[in-house]
Amino acid sequence: MQTTSGQMTAQRLRALLEGGTLAGQWVLDPRKSSIRLKSKSMWGLVPVNGVFREVRGDGTVSQDGKVSGMVTVGAASIETKNAKRDKHLRSADFFDTANNPDITFTADGIGPSDQGVTVTGALTVRDRTRPLSFDAAASLQGDDEIWLDAQTHINRADFGLDWNSMGMAAMNNTLTIHAVFTRR
């Protein structure tokens, strides 16, 4: 995770949200943002690291500090540096990108927490939507750029991704998020 001198305390974030300082429309900068996937294969012996190359999104902060938004990831953009594995991840055994091209996270709230912020919303993978909340570090870069850095754990079976030949692939995966939003 990235750290910066602009990291916000819960108290500072609350003041910025409630005071309307962050109010407005925000857009995810795909050049500065990343969504990474980490899993284990071969009965937990081999780490698998991937990155989604296509990510987009936007958000709104209201005058009274309510936050909402959406981040969309192109499921077929997964890259693990293994073409055969990437093709399998895009198949119906996993992401089924022919029928489900996008993975989405819809945020319905962000609030201060001891760790920075707690992001609440819903994650949709393969037309299955599940609630998801996670803690993130938030930092303000100047007046027009916000960074959110987080790690969250996902059980892929919750989304119908339950292929697991001989129990070789881990069901629990870690997503590492570096989301950079800029003011429109």
C-alpha atoms as a PDB file:
ATOM      1  CA  MET A   1       0.000   0.000   0.000  1.00  0.00           C
ATOM      2  CA  GLN A   2       1.069   3.506  -0.701  1.00  0.00           C
ATOM      3  CA  THR A   3       1.546   5.981   2.081  1.00  0.00           C
ATOM      4  CA  THR A   4       1.728   9.710   1.739  1.00  0.00           C
ATOM      5  CA  SER A   5       2.136  12.783   3.837  1.00  0.00           C
ATOM      6  CA  GLY A   6      -1.503  13.605   3.090  1.00  0.00           C
ATOM      7  CA  GLN A   7      -2.915  10.626   5.012  1.00  0.00           C
ATOM      8  CA  MET A   8      -6.080  11.652   6.804  1.00  0.00           C
ATOM      9  CA  THR A   9      -7.089  10.978  10.350  1.00  0.00           C
ATOM     10  CA  ALA A  10     -10.697  10.052  11.039  1.00  0.00           C
ATOM     11  CA  GLN A  11     -11.262  13.455  12.620  1.00  0.00           C
ATOM     12  CA  ARG A  12      -9.822  15.351   9.625  1.00  0.00           C
ATOM     13  CA  LEU A  13     -11.832  13.285   7.144  1.00  0.00           C
ATOM     14  CA  ARG A  14     -15.041  13.827   9.105  1.00  0.00           C
ATOM     15  CA  ALA A  15     -14.427  17.601   9.049  1.00  0.00           C
ATOM     16  CA  LEU A  16     -13.729  17.601   5.287  1.00  0.00           C
ATOM     17  CA  LEU A  17     -16.841  15.543   4.525  1.00  0.00           C
ATOM     18  CA  GLU A  18     -19.223  17.362   6.839  1.00  0.00           C
ATOM     19  CA  GLY A  19     -17.855  20.781   5.902  1.00  0.00           C
ATOM     20  CA  GLY A  20     -18.518  20.215   2.199  1.00  0.00           C
ATOM     21  CA  THR A  21     -14.847  20.588   1.242  1.00  0.00           C
ATOM     22  CA  LEU A  22     -14.906  17.317  -0.718  1.00  0.00           C
ATOM     23  CA  ALA A  23     -18.376  17.858  -2.218  1.00  0.00           C
ATOM     24  CA  GLY A  24     -18.654  17.297  -5.940  1.00  0.00           C
ATOM     25  CA  GLN A  25     -18.072  14.789  -8.685  1.00  0.00           C
ATOM     26  CA  TRP A  26     -14.959  12.613  -8.659  1.00  0.00           C
ATOM     27  CA  VAL A  27     -13.576  10.299 -11.351  1.00  0.00           C
ATOM     28  CA  LEU A  28     -11.215   7.342 -10.977  1.00  0.00           C
ATOM     29  CA  ASP A  29      -7.886   7.884 -12.735  1.00  0.00           C
ATOM     30  CA  PRO A  30      -7.158   4.493 -14.390  1.00  0.00           C
ATOM     31  CA  ARG A  31      -3.514   5.409 -15.084  1.00  0.00           C
ATOM     32  CA  LYS A  32      -2.776   5.902 -11.394  1.00  0.00           C
ATOM     33  CA  SER A  33      -5.125   3.256  -9.956  1.00  0.00           C
ATOM     34  CA  SER A  34      -4.668  -0.509  -9.653  1.00  0.00           C
ATOM     35  CA  ILE A  35      -6.639  -3.555  -8.565  1.00  0.00           C
ATOM     36  CA  ARG A  36      -4.459  -6.570  -7.782  1.00  0.00           C
ATOM     37  CA  LEU A  37      -5.469 -10.156  -7.066  1.00  0.00           C
ATOM     38  CA  LYS A  38      -3.479 -12.555  -4.930  1.00  0.00           C
ATOM     39  CA  SER A  39      -4.291 -16.221  -4.496  1.00  0.00           C
ATOM     40  CA  LYS A  40      -2.562 -19.550  -3.959  1.00  0.00           C
ATOM     41  CA  SER A  41      -2.389 -22.582  -6.220  1.00  0.00           C
ATOM     42  CA  MET A  42      -0.949 -26.073  -6.003  1.00  0.00           C
ATOM     43  CA  TRP A  43      -2.467 -26.718  -2.552  1.00  0.00           C
ATOM     44  CA  GLY A  44      -1.314 -23.372  -1.213  1.00  0.00           C
ATOM     45  CA  LEU A  45       2.318 -23.745  -2.236  1.00  0.00           C
ATOM     46  CA  VAL A  46       2.434 -21.429  -5.250  1.00  0.00           C
ATOM     47  CA  PRO A  47       1.395 -17.770  -4.995  1.00  0.00           C
ATOM     48  CA  VAL A  48      -0.584 -16.408  -7.923  1.00  0.00           C
ATOM     49  CA  ASN A  49      -0.454 -12.653  -8.460  1.00  0.00           C
ATOM     50  CA  GLY A  50      -2.548 -10.835 -11.012  1.00  0.00           C
ATOM     51  CA  VAL A  51      -3.544  -7.346 -11.979  1.00  0.00           C
ATOM     52  CA  PHE A  52      -6.686  -6.111 -13.706  1.00  0.00           C
ATOM     53  CA  ARG A  53      -5.561  -3.789 -16.516  1.00  0.00           C
ATOM     54  CA  GLU A  54      -8.962  -2.132 -17.099  1.00  0.00           C
ATOM     55  CA  VAL A  55     -10.500  -0.146 -14.268  1.00  0.00           C
ATOM     56  CA  ARG A  56     -12.846   2.834 -14.342  1.00  0.00           C
ATOM     57  CA  GLY A  57     -15.188   4.541 -11.945  1.00  0.00           C
ATOM     58  CA  ASP A  58     -16.636   7.655 -10.448  1.00  0.00           C
ATOM     59  CA  GLY A  59     -18.105   8.961  -7.250  1.00  0.00           C
ATOM     60  CA  THR A  60     -20.124  11.738  -5.716  1.00  0.00           C
ATOM     61  CA  VAL A  61     -19.691  13.496  -2.394  1.00  0.00           C
ATOM     62  CA  SER A  62     -22.788  15.437  -1.372  1.00  0.00           C
ATOM     63  CA  GLN A  63     -22.687  18.755   0.504  1.00  0.00           C
ATOM     64  CA  ASP A  64     -23.609  16.911   3.719  1.00  0.00           C
ATOM     65  CA  GLY A  65     -20.742  14.407   3.279  1.00  0.00           C
ATOM     66  CA  LYS A  66     -22.560  11.360   1.901  1.00  0.00           C
ATOM     67  CA  VAL A  67     -20.433   9.351  -0.526  1.00  0.00           C
ATOM     68  CA  SER A  68     -21.553   7.066  -3.341  1.00  0.00           C
ATOM     69  CA  GLY A  69     -19.911   5.696  -6.437  1.00  0.00           C
ATOM     70  CA  MET A  70     -18.979   2.764  -8.599  1.00  0.00           C
ATOM     71  CA  VAL A  71     -15.764   1.091  -9.691  1.00  0.00           C
ATOM     72  CA  THR A  72     -15.903  -1.210 -12.713  1.00  0.00           C
ATOM     73  CA  VAL A  73     -13.180  -3.697 -13.563  1.00  0.00           C
ATOM     74  CA  GLY A  74     -12.889  -5.400 -16.949  1.00  0.00           C
ATOM     75  CA  ALA A  75     -12.844  -9.071 -15.934  1.00  0.00           C
ATOM     76  CA  ALA A  76     -11.044 -10.107 -19.130  1.00  0.00           C
ATOM     77  CA  SER A  77      -8.216  -7.673 -18.340  1.00  0.00           C
ATOM     78  CA  ILE A  78      -6.736 -10.018 -15.692  1.00  0.00           C
ATOM     79  CA  GLU A  79      -3.036 -10.670 -16.236  1.00  0.00           C
ATOM     80  CA  THR A  80      -1.008 -13.141 -14.170  1.00  0.00           C
ATOM     81  CA  LYS A  81       2.042 -13.440 -16.483  1.00  0.00           C
ATOM     82  CA  ASN A  82       0.848 -16.904 -17.539  1.00  0.00           C
ATOM     83  CA  ALA A  83      -1.214 -16.891 -20.777  1.00  0.00           C
ATOM     84  CA  LYS A  84      -2.693 -20.362 -20.201  1.00  0.00           C
ATOM     85  CA  ARG A  85      -3.810 -19.462 -16.669  1.00  0.00           C
ATOM     86  CA  ASP A  86      -5.188 -16.093 -17.846  1.00  0.00           C
ATOM     87  CA  LYS A  87      -7.258 -17.854 -20.520  1.00  0.00           C
ATOM     88  CA  HIS A  88      -8.597 -20.269 -17.888  1.00  0.00           C
ATOM     89  CA  LEU A  89      -9.472 -17.385 -15.530  1.00  0.00           C
ATOM     90  CA  ARG A  90     -11.492 -15.788 -18.351  1.00  0.00           C
ATOM     91  CA  SER A  91     -13.361 -19.057 -19.039  1.00  0.00           C
ATOM     92  CA  ALA A  92     -16.700 -20.220 -17.614  1.00  0.00           C
ATOM     93  CA  ASP A  93     -14.766 -22.018 -14.828  1.00  0.00           C
ATOM     94  CA  PHE A  94     -13.955 -18.627 -13.312  1.00  0.00           C
ATOM     95  CA  PHE A  95     -14.930 -15.120 -14.487  1.00  0.00           C
ATOM     96  CA  ASP A  96     -16.910 -16.255 -17.576  1.00  0.00           C
ATOM     97  CA  THR A  97     -15.975 -13.008 -19.292  1.00  0.00           C
ATOM     98  CA  ALA A  98     -17.945 -13.834 -22.460  1.00  0.00           C
ATOM     99  CA  ASN A  99     -21.165 -13.531 -20.426  1.00  0.00           C
ATOM    100  CA  ASN A 100     -19.964 -11.348 -17.545  1.00  0.00           C
ATOM    101  CA  PRO A 101     -17.509  -8.771 -18.874  1.00  0.00           C
ATOM    102  CA  ASP A 102     -17.467  -6.557 -15.768  1.00  0.00           C
ATOM    103  CA  ILE A 103     -16.840  -6.851 -12.059  1.00  0.00           C
ATOM    104  CA  THR A 104     -18.408  -3.943 -10.175  1.00  0.00           C
ATOM    105  CA  PHE A 105     -18.205  -2.475  -6.722  1.00  0.00           C
ATOM    106  CA  THR A 106     -20.962  -0.034  -5.863  1.00  0.00           C
ATOM    107  CA  ALA A 107     -20.116   2.110  -2.845  1.00  0.00           C
ATOM    108  CA  ASP A 108     -23.011   3.399  -0.790  1.00  0.00           C
ATOM    109  CA  GLY A 109     -20.999   4.974   1.979  1.00  0.00           C
ATOM    110  CA  ILE A 110     -17.593   5.960   3.259  1.00  0.00           C
ATOM    111  CA  GLY A 111     -17.134   6.934   6.832  1.00  0.00           C
ATOM    112  CA  PRO A 112     -14.273   7.686   9.180  1.00  0.00           C
ATOM    113  CA  SER A 113     -12.790   4.798  11.171  1.00  0.00           C
ATOM    114  CA  ASP A 114      -9.744   4.247  13.351  1.00  0.00           C
ATOM    115  CA  GLN A 115      -7.862   2.904  10.306  1.00  0.00           C
ATOM    116  CA  GLY A 116      -8.841   5.847   8.075  1.00  0.00           C
ATOM    117  CA  VAL A 117     -12.156   5.063   6.396  1.00  0.00           C
ATOM    118  CA  THR A 118     -14.605   2.208   6.172  1.00  0.00           C
ATOM    119  CA  VAL A 119     -16.018   1.725   2.684  1.00  0.00           C
ATOM    120  CA  THR A 120     -19.403  -0.021   2.447  1.00  0.00           C
ATOM    121  CA  GLY A 121     -21.202  -1.279  -0.612  1.00  0.00           C
ATOM    122  CA  ALA A 122     -21.771  -4.321  -2.789  1.00  0.00           C
ATOM    123  CA  LEU A 123     -19.495  -6.380  -5.028  1.00  0.00           C
ATOM    124  CA  THR A 124     -20.928  -8.027  -8.157  1.00  0.00           C
ATOM    125  CA  VAL A 125     -19.084 -10.847  -9.901  1.00  0.00           C
ATOM    126  CA  ARG A 126     -20.787 -13.132 -12.455  1.00  0.00           C
ATOM    127  CA  ASP A 127     -24.210 -11.578 -11.736  1.00  0.00           C
ATOM    128  CA  ARG A 128     -23.924 -12.401  -8.030  1.00  0.00           C
ATOM    129  CA  THR A 129     -23.995  -9.446  -5.675  1.00  0.00           C
ATOM    130  CA  ARG A 130     -22.779  -9.628  -2.101  1.00  0.00           C
ATOM    131  CA  PRO A 131     -22.327  -6.884   0.511  1.00  0.00           C
ATOM    132  CA  LEU A 132     -18.748  -5.838   1.050  1.00  0.00           C
ATOM    133  CA  SER A 133     -17.178  -3.509   3.614  1.00  0.00           C
ATOM    134  CA  PHE A 134     -13.499  -2.883   4.092  1.00  0.00           C
ATOM    135  CA  ASP A 135     -11.147  -0.481   5.815  1.00  0.00           C
ATOM    136  CA  ALA A 136      -8.948   1.781   3.726  1.00  0.00           C
ATOM    137  CA  ALA A 137      -6.300   4.397   4.236  1.00  0.00           C
ATOM    138  CA  ALA A 138      -7.376   7.708   2.738  1.00  0.00           C
ATOM    139  CA  SER A 139      -5.071  10.505   1.745  1.00  0.00           C
ATOM    140  CA  LEU A 140      -5.634  13.869   0.147  1.00  0.00           C
ATOM    141  CA  GLN A 141      -3.112  14.956  -2.487  1.00  0.00           C
ATOM    142  CA  GLY A 142      -3.576  18.684  -2.931  1.00  0.00           C
ATOM    143  CA  ASP A 143      -7.170  19.850  -3.322  1.00  0.00           C
ATOM    144  CA  ASP A 144      -8.189  17.661  -6.233  1.00  0.00           C
ATOM    145  CA  GLU A 145      -6.893  14.125  -5.688  1.00  0.00           C
ATOM    146  CA  ILE A 146      -7.891  11.483  -3.140  1.00  0.00           C
ATOM    147  CA  TRP A 147      -6.143   8.144  -2.710  1.00  0.00           C
ATOM    148  CA  LEU A 148      -7.814   5.111  -1.156  1.00  0.00           C
ATOM    149  CA  ASP A 149      -5.588   2.129  -0.343  1.00  0.00           C
ATOM    150  CA  ALA A 150      -7.033  -1.118   0.940  1.00  0.00           C
ATOM    151  CA  GLN A 151      -6.769  -4.870   1.116  1.00  0.00           C
ATOM    152  CA  THR A 152      -9.841  -7.030   1.377  1.00  0.00           C
ATOM    153  CA  HIS A 153     -10.393 -10.766   1.370  1.00  0.00           C
ATOM    154  CA  ILE A 154     -12.907 -12.430  -0.928  1.00  0.00           C
ATOM    155  CA  ASN A 155     -14.139 -16.017  -0.959  1.00  0.00           C
ATOM    156  CA  ARG A 156     -14.603 -16.662  -4.661  1.00  0.00           C
ATOM    157  CA  ALA A 157     -17.212 -19.376  -4.017  1.00  0.00           C
ATOM    158  CA  ASP A 158     -19.564 -16.602  -2.832  1.00  0.00           C
ATOM    159  CA  PHE A 159     -19.682 -15.486  -6.465  1.00  0.00           C
ATOM    160  CA  GLY A 160     -20.001 -18.891  -8.149  1.00  0.00           C
ATOM    161  CA  LEU A 161     -16.303 -19.219  -8.909  1.00  0.00           C
ATOM    162  CA  ASP A 162     -16.033 -22.638  -7.332  1.00  0.00           C
ATOM    163  CA  TRP A 163     -13.959 -24.560  -9.880  1.00  0.00           C
ATOM    164  CA  ASN A 164     -11.220 -26.325  -7.951  1.00  0.00           C
ATOM    165  CA  SER A 165      -9.683 -29.374  -9.609  1.00  0.00           C
ATOM    166  CA  MET A 166      -8.398 -31.711  -6.896  1.00  0.00           C
ATOM    167  CA  GLY A 167      -8.552 -28.886  -4.346  1.00  0.00           C
ATOM    168  CA  MET A 168      -5.498 -27.213  -5.879  1.00  0.00           C
ATOM    169  CA  ALA A 169      -6.752 -23.616  -5.951  1.00  0.00           C
ATOM    170  CA  ALA A 170      -7.426 -21.503  -2.869  1.00  0.00           C
ATOM    171  CA  MET A 171     -10.979 -20.270  -2.415  1.00  0.00           C
ATOM    172  CA  ASN A 172      -9.900 -17.219  -0.424  1.00  0.00           C
ATOM    173  CA  ASN A 173      -8.301 -14.409  -2.389  1.00  0.00           C
ATOM    174  CA  THR A 174      -6.913 -11.002  -1.515  1.00  0.00           C
ATOM    175  CA  LEU A 175      -7.696  -7.860  -3.478  1.00  0.00           C
ATOM    176  CA  THR A 176      -5.283  -4.959  -3.099  1.00  0.00           C
ATOM    177  CA  ILE A 177      -6.779  -1.658  -4.171  1.00  0.00           C
ATOM    178  CA  HIS A 178      -5.061   1.618  -4.955  1.00  0.00           C
ATOM    179  CA  ALA A 179      -7.814   3.955  -6.159  1.00  0.00           C
ATOM    180  CA  VAL A 180      -6.986   7.506  -7.177  1.00  0.00           C
ATOM    181  CA  PHE A 181      -9.939   9.834  -7.625  1.00  0.00           C
ATOM    182  CA  THR A 182      -9.654  13.308  -9.100  1.00  0.00           C
ATOM    183  CA  ARG A 183     -12.183  16.125  -8.953  1.00  0.00           C
ATOM    184  CA  ARG A 184     -14.066  16.702 -12.209  1.00  0.00           C
END
